[in-house]
PDB file of N, CA and C in Angstrom:
ATOM      1  N   MET A   1       0.852  -1.179   0.000  1.00  0.00           N
ATOM      2  CA  MET A   1       0.000   0.000   0.000  1.00  0.00           C
ATOM      3  C   MET A   1       0.898   1.243   0.000  1.00  0.00           C
ATOM      4  N   ARG A   2       0.486   2.216  -0.796  1.00  0.00           N
ATOM      5  CA  ARG A   2       1.204   3.489  -0.894  1.00  0.00           C
ATOM      6  C   ARG A   2       0.221   4.601  -0.571  1.00  0.00           C
ATOM      7  N   GLU A   3       0.687   5.644   0.077  1.00  0.00           N
ATOM      8  CA  GLU A   3      -0.166   6.786   0.437  1.00  0.00           C
ATOM      9  C   GLU A   3       0.353   8.062  -0.203  1.00  0.00           C
ATOM     10  N   THR A   4      -0.592   8.918  -0.600  1.00  0.00           N
ATOM     11  CA  THR A   4      -0.273  10.246  -1.112  1.00  0.00           C
ATOM     12  C   THR A   4      -1.053  11.259  -0.295  1.00  0.00           C
ATOM     13  N   ILE A   5      -0.367  12.207   0.330  1.00  0.00           N
ATOM     14  CA  ILE A   5      -1.046  13.261   1.084  1.00  0.00           C
ATOM     15  C   ILE A   5      -1.555  14.290   0.083  1.00  0.00           C
ATOM     16  N   LEU A   6      -2.888  14.468   0.045  1.00  0.00           N
ATOM     17  CA  LEU A   6      -3.504  15.405  -0.879  1.00  0.00           C
ATOM     18  C   LEU A   6      -3.594  16.813  -0.305  1.00  0.00           C
ATOM     19  N   ASP A   7      -3.794  16.905   1.022  1.00  0.00           N
ATOM     20  CA  ASP A   7      -3.909  18.219   1.657  1.00  0.00           C
ATOM     21  C   ASP A   7      -3.724  18.071   3.157  1.00  0.00           C
ATOM     22  N   VAL A   8      -3.330  19.158   3.790  1.00  0.00           N
ATOM     23  CA  VAL A   8      -3.220  19.239   5.240  1.00  0.00           C
ATOM     24  C   VAL A   8      -4.092  20.407   5.679  1.00  0.00           C
ATOM     25  N   LEU A   9      -5.101  20.115   6.495  1.00  0.00           N
ATOM     26  CA  LEU A   9      -6.040  21.134   6.956  1.00  0.00           C
ATOM     27  C   LEU A   9      -5.730  21.503   8.398  1.00  0.00           C
ATOM     28  N   ASP A  10      -5.814  22.799   8.697  1.00  0.00           N
ATOM     29  CA  ASP A  10      -5.608  23.249  10.074  1.00  0.00           C
ATOM     30  C   ASP A  10      -6.615  22.571  10.986  1.00  0.00           C
ATOM     31  N   GLY A  11      -6.169  22.229  12.179  1.00  0.00           N
ATOM     32  CA  GLY A  11      -7.042  21.611  13.165  1.00  0.00           C
ATOM     33  C   GLY A  11      -7.781  22.636  13.992  1.00  0.00           C
ATOM     34  N   SER A  12      -8.499  22.155  14.988  1.00  0.00           N
ATOM     35  CA  SER A  12      -9.292  23.021  15.849  1.00  0.00           C
ATOM     36  C   SER A  12      -8.425  23.874  16.766  1.00  0.00           C
ATOM     37  N   SER A  13      -7.165  23.489  16.930  1.00  0.00           N
ATOM     38  CA  SER A  13      -6.232  24.267  17.745  1.00  0.00           C
ATOM     39  C   SER A  13      -4.812  23.971  17.265  1.00  0.00           C
ATOM     40  N   GLU A  14      -3.869  24.747  17.784  1.00  0.00           N
ATOM     41  CA  GLU A  14      -2.471  24.523  17.414  1.00  0.00           C
ATOM     42  C   GLU A  14      -2.066  23.124  17.879  1.00  0.00           C
ATOM     43  N   GLY A  15      -1.303  22.440  17.066  1.00  0.00           N
ATOM     44  CA  GLY A  15      -0.885  21.091  17.430  1.00  0.00           C
ATOM     45  C   GLY A  15      -1.877  20.024  16.996  1.00  0.00           C
ATOM     46  N   ARG A  16      -2.858  20.405  16.189  1.00  0.00           N
ATOM     47  CA  ARG A  16      -3.832  19.453  15.644  1.00  0.00           C
ATOM     48  C   ARG A  16      -4.000  19.750  14.165  1.00  0.00           C
ATOM     49  N   ARG A  17      -4.220  18.704  13.380  1.00  0.00           N
ATOM     50  CA  ARG A  17      -4.437  18.889  11.962  1.00  0.00           C
ATOM     51  C   ARG A  17      -5.214  17.699  11.399  1.00  0.00           C
ATOM     52  N   ILE A  18      -5.734  17.888  10.201  1.00  0.00           N
ATOM     53  CA  ILE A  18      -6.421  16.835   9.475  1.00  0.00           C
ATOM     54  C   ILE A  18      -5.659  16.597   8.178  1.00  0.00           C
ATOM     55  N   LEU A  19      -5.261  15.374   7.927  1.00  0.00           N
ATOM     56  CA  LEU A  19      -4.617  15.013   6.667  1.00  0.00           C
ATOM     57  C   LEU A  19      -5.666  14.376   5.760  1.00  0.00           C
ATOM     58  N   VAL A  20      -5.662  14.785   4.504  1.00  0.00           N
ATOM     59  CA  VAL A  20      -6.488  14.147   3.481  1.00  0.00           C
ATOM     60  C   VAL A  20      -5.517  13.272   2.690  1.00  0.00           C
ATOM     61  N   VAL A  21      -5.701  11.962   2.782  1.00  0.00           N
ATOM     62  CA  VAL A  21      -4.742  11.008   2.240  1.00  0.00           C
ATOM     63  C   VAL A  21      -5.429  10.082   1.239  1.00  0.00           C
ATOM     64  N   MET A  22      -4.794   9.909   0.082  1.00  0.00           N
ATOM     65  CA  MET A  22      -5.235   8.918  -0.898  1.00  0.00           C
ATOM     66  C   MET A  22      -4.395   7.674  -0.683  1.00  0.00           C
ATOM     67  N   ARG A  23      -5.060   6.551  -0.406  1.00  0.00           N
ATOM     68  CA  ARG A  23      -4.345   5.281  -0.255  1.00  0.00           C
ATOM     69  C   ARG A  23      -4.490   4.478  -1.539  1.00  0.00           C
ATOM     70  N   HIS A  24      -3.371   4.030  -2.061  1.00  0.00           N
ATOM     71  CA  HIS A  24      -3.349   3.204  -3.263  1.00  0.00           C
ATOM     72  C   HIS A  24      -3.209   1.758  -2.794  1.00  0.00           C
ATOM     73  N   LEU A  25      -4.275   0.984  -2.970  1.00  0.00           N
ATOM     74  CA  LEU A  25      -4.336  -0.371  -2.434  1.00  0.00           C
ATOM     75  C   LEU A  25      -3.917  -1.402  -3.482  1.00  0.00           C
ATOM     76  N   ALA A  26      -3.699  -2.599  -3.027  1.00  0.00           N
ATOM     77  CA  ALA A  26      -3.349  -3.703  -3.929  1.00  0.00           C
ATOM     78  C   ALA A  26      -4.471  -3.912  -4.935  1.00  0.00           C
ATOM     79  N   GLY A  27      -4.110  -4.282  -6.138  1.00  0.00           N
ATOM     80  CA  GLY A  27      -5.103  -4.537  -7.172  1.00  0.00           C
ATOM     81  C   GLY A  27      -5.538  -3.287  -7.913  1.00  0.00           C
ATOM     82  N   GLY A  28      -4.895  -2.157  -7.620  1.00  0.00           N
ATOM     83  CA  GLY A  28      -5.208  -0.931  -8.340  1.00  0.00           C
ATOM     84  C   GLY A  28      -6.341  -0.105  -7.765  1.00  0.00           C
ATOM     85  N   SER A  29      -6.990  -0.550  -6.690  1.00  0.00           N
ATOM     86  CA  SER A  29      -8.070   0.253  -6.089  1.00  0.00           C
ATOM     87  C   SER A  29      -7.472   1.300  -5.154  1.00  0.00           C
ATOM     88  N   SER A  30      -8.284   2.238  -4.748  1.00  0.00           N
ATOM     89  CA  SER A  30      -7.830   3.281  -3.837  1.00  0.00           C
ATOM     90  C   SER A  30      -8.988   3.726  -2.957  1.00  0.00           C
ATOM     91  N   ASP A  31      -8.658   4.362  -1.863  1.00  0.00           N
ATOM     92  CA  ASP A  31      -9.664   4.988  -1.020  1.00  0.00           C
ATOM     93  C   ASP A  31      -9.091   6.277  -0.447  1.00  0.00           C
ATOM     94  N   LEU A  32      -9.958   7.050   0.157  1.00  0.00           N
ATOM     95  CA  LEU A  32      -9.573   8.333   0.741  1.00  0.00           C
ATOM     96  C   LEU A  32      -9.661   8.198   2.259  1.00  0.00           C
ATOM     97  N   VAL A  33      -8.682   8.748   2.957  1.00  0.00           N
ATOM     98  CA  VAL A  33      -8.658   8.689   4.412  1.00  0.00           C
ATOM     99  C   VAL A  33      -8.544  10.108   4.954  1.00  0.00           C
ATOM    100  N   LEU A  34      -9.386  10.445   5.911  1.00  0.00           N
ATOM    101  CA  LEU A  34      -9.279  11.692   6.669  1.00  0.00           C
ATOM    102  C   LEU A  34      -8.648  11.295   7.999  1.00  0.00           C
ATOM    103  N   ARG A  35      -7.439  11.795   8.259  1.00  0.00           N
ATOM    104  CA  ARG A  35      -6.690  11.378   9.435  1.00  0.00           C
ATOM    105  C   ARG A  35      -6.502  12.559  10.376  1.00  0.00           C
ATOM    106  N   HIS A  36      -6.988  12.412  11.610  1.00  0.00           N
ATOM    107  CA  HIS A  36      -6.834  13.445  12.638  1.00  0.00           C
ATOM    108  C   HIS A  36      -5.514  13.193  13.356  1.00  0.00           C
ATOM    109  N   GLU A  37      -4.624  14.195  13.325  1.00  0.00           N
ATOM    110  CA  GLU A  37      -3.316  14.050  13.952  1.00  0.00           C
ATOM    111  C   GLU A  37      -3.075  15.126  15.006  1.00  0.00           C
ATOM    112  N   SER A  38      -2.257  14.778  15.974  1.00  0.00           N
ATOM    113  CA  SER A  38      -1.825  15.714  17.017  1.00  0.00           C
ATOM    114  C   SER A  38      -0.300  15.757  17.044  1.00  0.00           C
ATOM    115  N   TRP A  39       0.232  16.844  17.601  1.00  0.00           N
ATOM    116  CA  TRP A  39       1.674  17.037  17.686  1.00  0.00           C
ATOM    117  C   TRP A  39       2.143  16.825  19.120  1.00  0.00           C
ATOM    118  N   SER A  40       3.267  16.142  19.253  1.00  0.00           N
ATOM    119  CA  SER A  40       3.924  15.962  20.545  1.00  0.00           C
ATOM    120  C   SER A  40       5.409  16.221  20.342  1.00  0.00           C
ATOM    121  N   GLU A  41       6.016  16.949  21.248  1.00  0.00           N
ATOM    122  CA  GLU A  41       7.458  17.221  21.164  1.00  0.00           C
ATOM    123  C   GLU A  41       8.248  15.920  21.172  1.00  0.00           C
ATOM    124  N   ASP A  42       7.789  14.921  21.908  1.00  0.00           N
ATOM    125  CA  ASP A  42       8.512  13.657  22.030  1.00  0.00           C
ATOM    126  C   ASP A  42       8.366  12.758  20.808  1.00  0.00           C
ATOM    127  N   VAL A  43       7.196  12.835  20.132  1.00  0.00           N
ATOM    128  CA  VAL A  43       6.891  11.892  19.057  1.00  0.00           C
ATOM    129  C   VAL A  43       6.822  12.563  17.694  1.00  0.00           C
ATOM    130  N   GLY A  44       6.414  13.813  17.644  1.00  0.00           N
ATOM    131  CA  GLY A  44       6.117  14.490  16.384  1.00  0.00           C
ATOM    132  C   GLY A  44       4.629  14.333  16.089  1.00  0.00           C
ATOM    133  N   TRP A  45       4.254  14.303  14.817  1.00  0.00           N
ATOM    134  CA  TRP A  45       2.853  14.134  14.439  1.00  0.00           C
ATOM    135  C   TRP A  45       2.461  12.670  14.585  1.00  0.00           C
ATOM    136  N   PHE A  46       1.305  12.412  15.204  1.00  0.00           N
ATOM    137  CA  PHE A  46       0.811  11.039  15.335  1.00  0.00           C
ATOM    138  C   PHE A  46      -0.705  11.025  15.167  1.00  0.00           C
ATOM    139  N   ALA A  47      -1.207   9.914  14.656  1.00  0.00           N
ATOM    140  CA  ALA A  47      -2.635   9.784  14.356  1.00  0.00           C
ATOM    141  C   ALA A  47      -3.444   9.580  15.622  1.00  0.00           C
ATOM    142  N   GLN A  48      -4.541  10.334  15.732  1.00  0.00           N
ATOM    143  CA  GLN A  48      -5.506  10.172  16.822  1.00  0.00           C
ATOM    144  C   GLN A  48      -6.667   9.290  16.376  1.00  0.00           C
ATOM    145  N   GLY A  49      -6.966   9.350  15.092  1.00  0.00           N
ATOM    146  CA  GLY A  49      -8.068   8.578  14.537  1.00  0.00           C
ATOM    147  C   GLY A  49      -8.172   8.851  13.052  1.00  0.00           C
ATOM    148  N   SER A  50      -8.971   8.039  12.373  1.00  0.00           N
ATOM    149  CA  SER A  50      -9.134   8.247  10.939  1.00  0.00           C
ATOM    150  C   SER A  50     -10.496   7.751  10.484  1.00  0.00           C
ATOM    151  N   VAL A  51     -10.905   8.254   9.330  1.00  0.00           N
ATOM    152  CA  VAL A  51     -12.136   7.832   8.674  1.00  0.00           C
ATOM    153  C   VAL A  51     -11.764   7.443   7.257  1.00  0.00           C
ATOM    154  N   GLU A  52     -12.087   6.217   6.870  1.00  0.00           N
ATOM    155  CA  GLU A  52     -11.806   5.730   5.522  1.00  0.00           C
ATOM    156  C   GLU A  52     -13.064   5.876   4.683  1.00  0.00           C
ATOM    157  N   LEU A  53     -12.925   6.465   3.510  1.00  0.00           N
ATOM    158  CA  LEU A  53     -14.055   6.674   2.615  1.00  0.00           C
ATOM    159  C   LEU A  53     -13.846   5.907   1.317  1.00  0.00           C
ATOM    160  N   THR A  54     -14.854   5.167   0.899  1.00  0.00           N
ATOM    161  CA  THR A  54     -14.801   4.477  -0.388  1.00  0.00           C
ATOM    162  C   THR A  54     -15.029   5.506  -1.493  1.00  0.00           C
ATOM    163  N   PRO A  55     -14.710   5.171  -2.743  1.00  0.00           N
ATOM    164  CA  PRO A  55     -14.992   6.112  -3.829  1.00  0.00           C
ATOM    165  C   PRO A  55     -16.458   6.542  -3.879  1.00  0.00           C
ATOM    166  N   HIS A  56     -17.366   5.620  -3.574  1.00  0.00           N
ATOM    167  CA  HIS A  56     -18.801   5.959  -3.558  1.00  0.00           C
ATOM    168  C   HIS A  56     -19.099   6.993  -2.467  1.00  0.00           C
ATOM    169  N   GLN A  57     -18.503   6.825  -1.294  1.00  0.00           N
ATOM    170  CA  GLN A  57     -18.705   7.783  -0.196  1.00  0.00           C
ATOM    171  C   GLN A  57     -18.078   9.128  -0.519  1.00  0.00           C
ATOM    172  N   VAL A  58     -16.926   9.136  -1.182  1.00  0.00           N
ATOM    173  CA  VAL A  58     -16.287  10.390  -1.587  1.00  0.00           C
ATOM    174  C   VAL A  58     -17.208  11.148  -2.538  1.00  0.00           C
ATOM    175  N   ALA A  59     -17.832  10.431  -3.477  1.00  0.00           N
ATOM    176  CA  ALA A  59     -18.769  11.077  -4.404  1.00  0.00           C
ATOM    177  C   ALA A  59     -19.942  11.687  -3.646  1.00  0.00           C
ATOM    178  N   GLY A  60     -20.458  10.983  -2.661  1.00  0.00           N
ATOM    179  CA  GLY A  60     -21.549  11.519  -1.841  1.00  0.00           C
ATOM    180  C   GLY A  60     -21.123  12.727  -1.037  1.00  0.00           C
ATOM    181  N   LEU A  61     -19.918  12.676  -0.470  1.00  0.00           N
ATOM    182  CA  LEU A  61     -19.392  13.809   0.287  1.00  0.00           C
ATOM    183  C   LEU A  61     -19.197  15.007  -0.614  1.00  0.00           C
ATOM    184  N   ARG A  62     -18.662  14.788  -1.795  1.00  0.00           N
ATOM    185  CA  ARG A  62     -18.455  15.870  -2.760  1.00  0.00           C
ATOM    186  C   ARG A  62     -19.798  16.508  -3.127  1.00  0.00           C
ATOM    187  N   ALA A  63     -20.816  15.691  -3.356  1.00  0.00           N
ATOM    188  CA  ALA A  63     -22.144  16.219  -3.691  1.00  0.00           C
ATOM    189  C   ALA A  63     -22.724  17.016  -2.521  1.00  0.00           C
ATOM    190  N   ALA A  64     -22.541  16.515  -1.313  1.00  0.00           N
ATOM    191  CA  ALA A  64     -23.059  17.217  -0.138  1.00  0.00           C
ATOM    192  C   ALA A  64     -22.356  18.552   0.068  1.00  0.00           C
ATOM    193  N   LEU A  65     -21.046  18.573  -0.075  1.00  0.00           N
ATOM    194  CA  LEU A  65     -20.293  19.817   0.109  1.00  0.00           C
ATOM    195  C   LEU A  65     -20.568  20.810  -1.004  1.00  0.00           C
ATOM    196  N   GLY A  66     -20.834  20.324  -2.195  1.00  0.00           N
ATOM    197  CA  GLY A  66     -21.123  21.201  -3.321  1.00  0.00           C
ATOM    198  C   GLY A  66     -22.465  21.880  -3.220  1.00  0.00           C
ATOM    199  N   SER A  67     -23.362  21.345  -2.389  1.00  0.00           N
ATOM    200  CA  SER A  67     -24.699  21.920  -2.269  1.00  0.00           C
ATOM    201  C   SER A  67     -24.799  22.981  -1.171  1.00  0.00           C
ATOM    202  N   VAL A  68     -23.738  23.151  -0.375  1.00  0.00           N
ATOM    203  CA  VAL A  68     -23.747  24.138   0.710  1.00  0.00           C
ATOM    204  C   VAL A  68     -22.808  25.273   0.337  1.00  0.00           C
ATOM    205  N   PRO A  69     -23.324  26.512   0.241  1.00  0.00           N
ATOM    206  CA  PRO A  69     -22.442  27.643  -0.077  1.00  0.00           C
ATOM    207  C   PRO A  69     -21.341  27.786   0.973  1.00  0.00           C
ATOM    208  N   VAL A  70     -20.161  28.178   0.534  1.00  0.00           N
ATOM    209  CA  VAL A  70     -19.033  28.356   1.443  1.00  0.00           C
ATOM    210  C   VAL A  70     -19.383  29.395   2.496  1.00  0.00           C
ATOM    211  N   GLY A  71     -19.086  29.082   3.747  1.00  0.00           N
ATOM    212  CA  GLY A  71     -19.342  30.014   4.836  1.00  0.00           C
ATOM    213  C   GLY A  71     -20.742  29.907   5.419  1.00  0.00           C
ATOM    214  N   LYS A  72     -21.587  29.047   4.864  1.00  0.00           N
ATOM    215  CA  LYS A  72     -22.935  28.880   5.392  1.00  0.00           C
ATOM    216  C   LYS A  72     -23.140  27.421   5.765  1.00  0.00           C
ATOM    217  N   THR A  73     -23.860  27.203   6.846  1.00  0.00           N
ATOM    218  CA  THR A  73     -24.189  25.845   7.256  1.00  0.00           C
ATOM    219  C   THR A  73     -25.683  25.751   7.495  1.00  0.00           C
ATOM    220  N   LEU A  74     -26.205  24.553   7.385  1.00  0.00           N
ATOM    221  CA  LEU A  74     -27.611  24.322   7.668  1.00  0.00           C
ATOM    222  C   LEU A  74     -27.779  24.097   9.158  1.00  0.00           C
ATOM    223  N   PRO A  75     -28.917  24.529   9.733  1.00  0.00           N
ATOM    224  CA  PRO A  75     -29.160  24.210  11.143  1.00  0.00           C
ATOM    225  C   PRO A  75     -29.139  22.700  11.332  1.00  0.00           C
ATOM    226  N   ARG A  76     -28.590  22.251  12.429  1.00  0.00           N
ATOM    227  CA  ARG A  76     -28.438  20.824  12.697  1.00  0.00           C
ATOM    228  C   ARG A  76     -29.759  20.071  12.571  1.00  0.00           C
ATOM    229  N   ALA A  77     -30.841  20.609  13.093  1.00  0.00           N
ATOM    230  CA  ALA A  77     -32.137  19.939  13.036  1.00  0.00           C
ATOM    231  C   ALA A  77     -32.610  19.799  11.593  1.00  0.00           C
ATOM    232  N   SER A  78     -32.347  20.778  10.754  1.00  0.00           N
ATOM    233  CA  SER A  78     -32.759  20.704   9.359  1.00  0.00           C
ATOM    234  C   SER A  78     -32.018  19.599   8.635  1.00  0.00           C
ATOM    235  N   VAL A  79     -30.739  19.450   8.910  1.00  0.00           N
ATOM    236  CA  VAL A  79     -29.948  18.399   8.282  1.00  0.00           C
ATOM    237  C   VAL A  79     -30.478  17.043   8.721  1.00  0.00           C
ATOM    238  N   ALA A  80     -30.731  16.873  10.008  1.00  0.00           N
ATOM    239  CA  ALA A  80     -31.233  15.599  10.514  1.00  0.00           C
ATOM    240  C   ALA A  80     -32.607  15.290   9.934  1.00  0.00           C
ATOM    241  N   ALA A  81     -33.460  16.295   9.797  1.00  0.00           N
ATOM    242  CA  ALA A  81     -34.812  16.075   9.293  1.00  0.00           C
ATOM    243  C   ALA A  81     -34.796  15.591   7.851  1.00  0.00           C
ATOM    244  N   THR A  82     -33.845  16.052   7.064  1.00  0.00           N
ATOM    245  CA  THR A  82     -33.806  15.628   5.668  1.00  0.00           C
ATOM    246  C   THR A  82     -33.367  14.180   5.536  1.00  0.00           C
ATOM    247  N   HIS A  83     -32.802  13.621   6.591  1.00  0.00           N
ATOM    248  CA  HIS A  83     -32.362  12.235   6.549  1.00  0.00           C
ATOM    249  C   HIS A  83     -33.214  11.346   7.438  1.00  0.00           C
ATOM    250  N   GLY A  84     -34.376  11.855   7.885  1.00  0.00           N
ATOM    251  CA  GLY A  84     -35.298  11.042   8.648  1.00  0.00           C
ATOM    252  C   GLY A  84     -34.880  10.769  10.076  1.00  0.00           C
ATOM    253  N   ASN A  85     -33.971  11.549  10.641  1.00  0.00           N
ATOM    254  CA  ASN A  85     -33.510  11.304  12.005  1.00  0.00           C
ATOM    255  C   ASN A  85     -34.292  12.082  13.051  1.00  0.00           C
ATOM    256  N   VAL A  86     -35.201  12.940  12.624  1.00  0.00           N
ATOM    257  CA  VAL A  86     -35.996  13.732  13.554  1.00  0.00           C
ATOM    258  C   VAL A  86     -37.461  13.466  13.249  1.00  0.00           C
ATOM    259  N   PRO A  87     -38.269  13.128  14.274  1.00  0.00           N
ATOM    260  CA  PRO A  87     -39.686  12.898  14.009  1.00  0.00           C
ATOM    261  C   PRO A  87     -40.322  14.111  13.347  1.00  0.00           C
ATOM    262  N   HIS A  88     -41.232  13.872  12.402  1.00  0.00           N
ATOM    263  CA  HIS A  88     -41.896  14.950  11.679  1.00  0.00           C
ATOM    264  C   HIS A  88     -42.587  15.890  12.666  1.00  0.00           C
ATOM    265  N   GLY A  89     -42.441  17.173  12.454  1.00  0.00           N
ATOM    266  CA  GLY A  89     -43.069  18.172  13.323  1.00  0.00           C
ATOM    267  C   GLY A  89     -42.179  18.657  14.439  1.00  0.00           C
ATOM    268  N   ASN A  90     -41.039  18.007  14.663  1.00  0.00           N
ATOM    269  CA  ASN A  90     -40.141  18.402  15.745  1.00  0.00           C
ATOM    270  C   ASN A  90     -38.899  19.116  15.231  1.00  0.00           C
ATOM    271  N   VAL A  91     -38.958  19.661  14.031  1.00  0.00           N
ATOM    272  CA  VAL A  91     -37.800  20.307  13.435  1.00  0.00           C
ATOM    273  C   VAL A  91     -37.729  21.751  13.894  1.00  0.00           C
ATOM    274  N   SER A  92     -36.583  22.144  14.398  1.00  0.00           N
ATOM    275  CA  SER A  92     -36.343  23.523  14.810  1.00  0.00           C
ATOM    276  C   SER A  92     -35.884  24.318  13.594  1.00  0.00           C
ATOM    277  N   HIS A  93     -36.363  25.534  13.444  1.00  0.00           N
ATOM    278  CA  HIS A  93     -35.972  26.384  12.320  1.00  0.00           C
ATOM    279  C   HIS A  93     -35.175  27.572  12.795  1.00  0.00           C
ATOM    280  N   GLY A  94     -34.120  27.322  13.518  1.00  0.00           N
ATOM    281  CA  GLY A  94     -33.256  28.390  13.986  1.00  0.00           C
ATOM    282  C   GLY A  94     -32.953  28.227  15.461  1.00  0.00           C
ATOM    283  N   PRO A  95     -32.128  29.115  15.994  1.00  0.00           N
ATOM    284  CA  PRO A  95     -31.741  29.013  17.395  1.00  0.00           C
ATOM    285  C   PRO A  95     -32.934  29.229  18.311  1.00  0.00           C
ATOM    286  N   GLN A  96     -32.934  28.507  19.420  1.00  0.00           N
ATOM    287  CA  GLN A  96     -33.971  28.678  20.422  1.00  0.00           C
ATOM    288  C   GLN A  96     -33.313  28.846  21.773  1.00  0.00           C
ATOM    289  N   LEU A  97     -33.955  29.602  22.641  1.00  0.00           N
ATOM    290  CA  LEU A  97     -33.452  29.847  23.979  1.00  0.00           C
ATOM    291  C   LEU A  97     -34.173  28.928  24.946  1.00  0.00           C
ATOM    292  N   ILE A  98     -33.410  28.221  25.747  1.00  0.00           N
ATOM    293  CA  ILE A  98     -33.990  27.343  26.761  1.00  0.00           C
ATOM    294  C   ILE A  98     -33.730  27.991  28.110  1.00  0.00           C
ATOM    295  N   SER A  99     -34.797  28.242  28.855  1.00  0.00           N
ATOM    296  CA  SER A  99     -34.664  28.868  30.175  1.00  0.00           C
ATOM    297  C   SER A  99     -34.657  27.793  31.252  1.00  0.00           C
ATOM    298  N   PHE A 100     -33.752  27.959  32.212  1.00  0.00           N
ATOM    299  CA  PHE A 100     -33.685  27.058  33.341  1.00  0.00           C
ATOM    300  C   PHE A 100     -34.010  27.849  34.603  1.00  0.00           C
ATOM    301  N   PRO A 101     -34.654  27.211  35.576  1.00  0.00           N
ATOM    302  CA  PRO A 101     -34.963  27.939  36.813  1.00  0.00           C
ATOM    303  C   PRO A 101     -33.672  28.304  37.543  1.00  0.00           C
ATOM    304  N   ALA A 102     -33.712  29.458  38.198  1.00  0.00           N
ATOM    305  CA  ALA A 102     -32.531  29.916  38.943  1.00  0.00           C
ATOM    306  C   ALA A 102     -32.308  28.984  40.135  1.00  0.00           C
ATOM    307  N   HIS A 103     -31.071  28.675  40.388  1.00  0.00           N
ATOM    308  CA  HIS A 103     -30.717  27.812  41.518  1.00  0.00           C
ATOM    309  C   HIS A 103     -29.556  28.448  42.254  1.00  0.00           C
ATOM    310  N   ARG A 104     -29.699  28.554  43.543  1.00  0.00           N
ATOM    311  CA  ARG A 104     -28.639  29.153  44.351  1.00  0.00           C
ATOM    312  C   ARG A 104     -28.084  28.098  45.304  1.00  0.00           C
ATOM    313  N   ALA A 105     -26.770  28.014  45.306  1.00  0.00           N
ATOM    314  CA  ALA A 105     -26.129  27.071  46.238  1.00  0.00           C
ATOM    315  C   ALA A 105     -26.299  27.600  47.647  1.00  0.00           C
ATOM    316  N   GLY A 106     -26.481  26.717  48.558  1.00  0.00           N
ATOM    317  CA  GLY A 106     -26.606  27.231  49.885  1.00  0.00           C
ATOM    318  C   GLY A 106     -26.794  26.233  50.862  1.00  0.00           C
TER     319      GLY A 106
END
């Protein structure tokens, strides 16, 4: 197996990054791997976890990313509702404020 790093994306904080890696597998097939890495002075960059995507999944991801304008995201409930993960009628259409009763330690 041979790997080609396609891109390195900044992580959520310094010392973290995401590698986009193309793996060339035996028999001429390939897959895409998203690898979450962290930095350590003692070790250098090391993998925390990864997600392997088949070519079919990459096509689906590409289609999903192409349908969302850059800099805009869909509300989480709307995304879940389009995939049947939220019961009909329970979809939130924007931020909501939840009030909790005041509690004083004592």
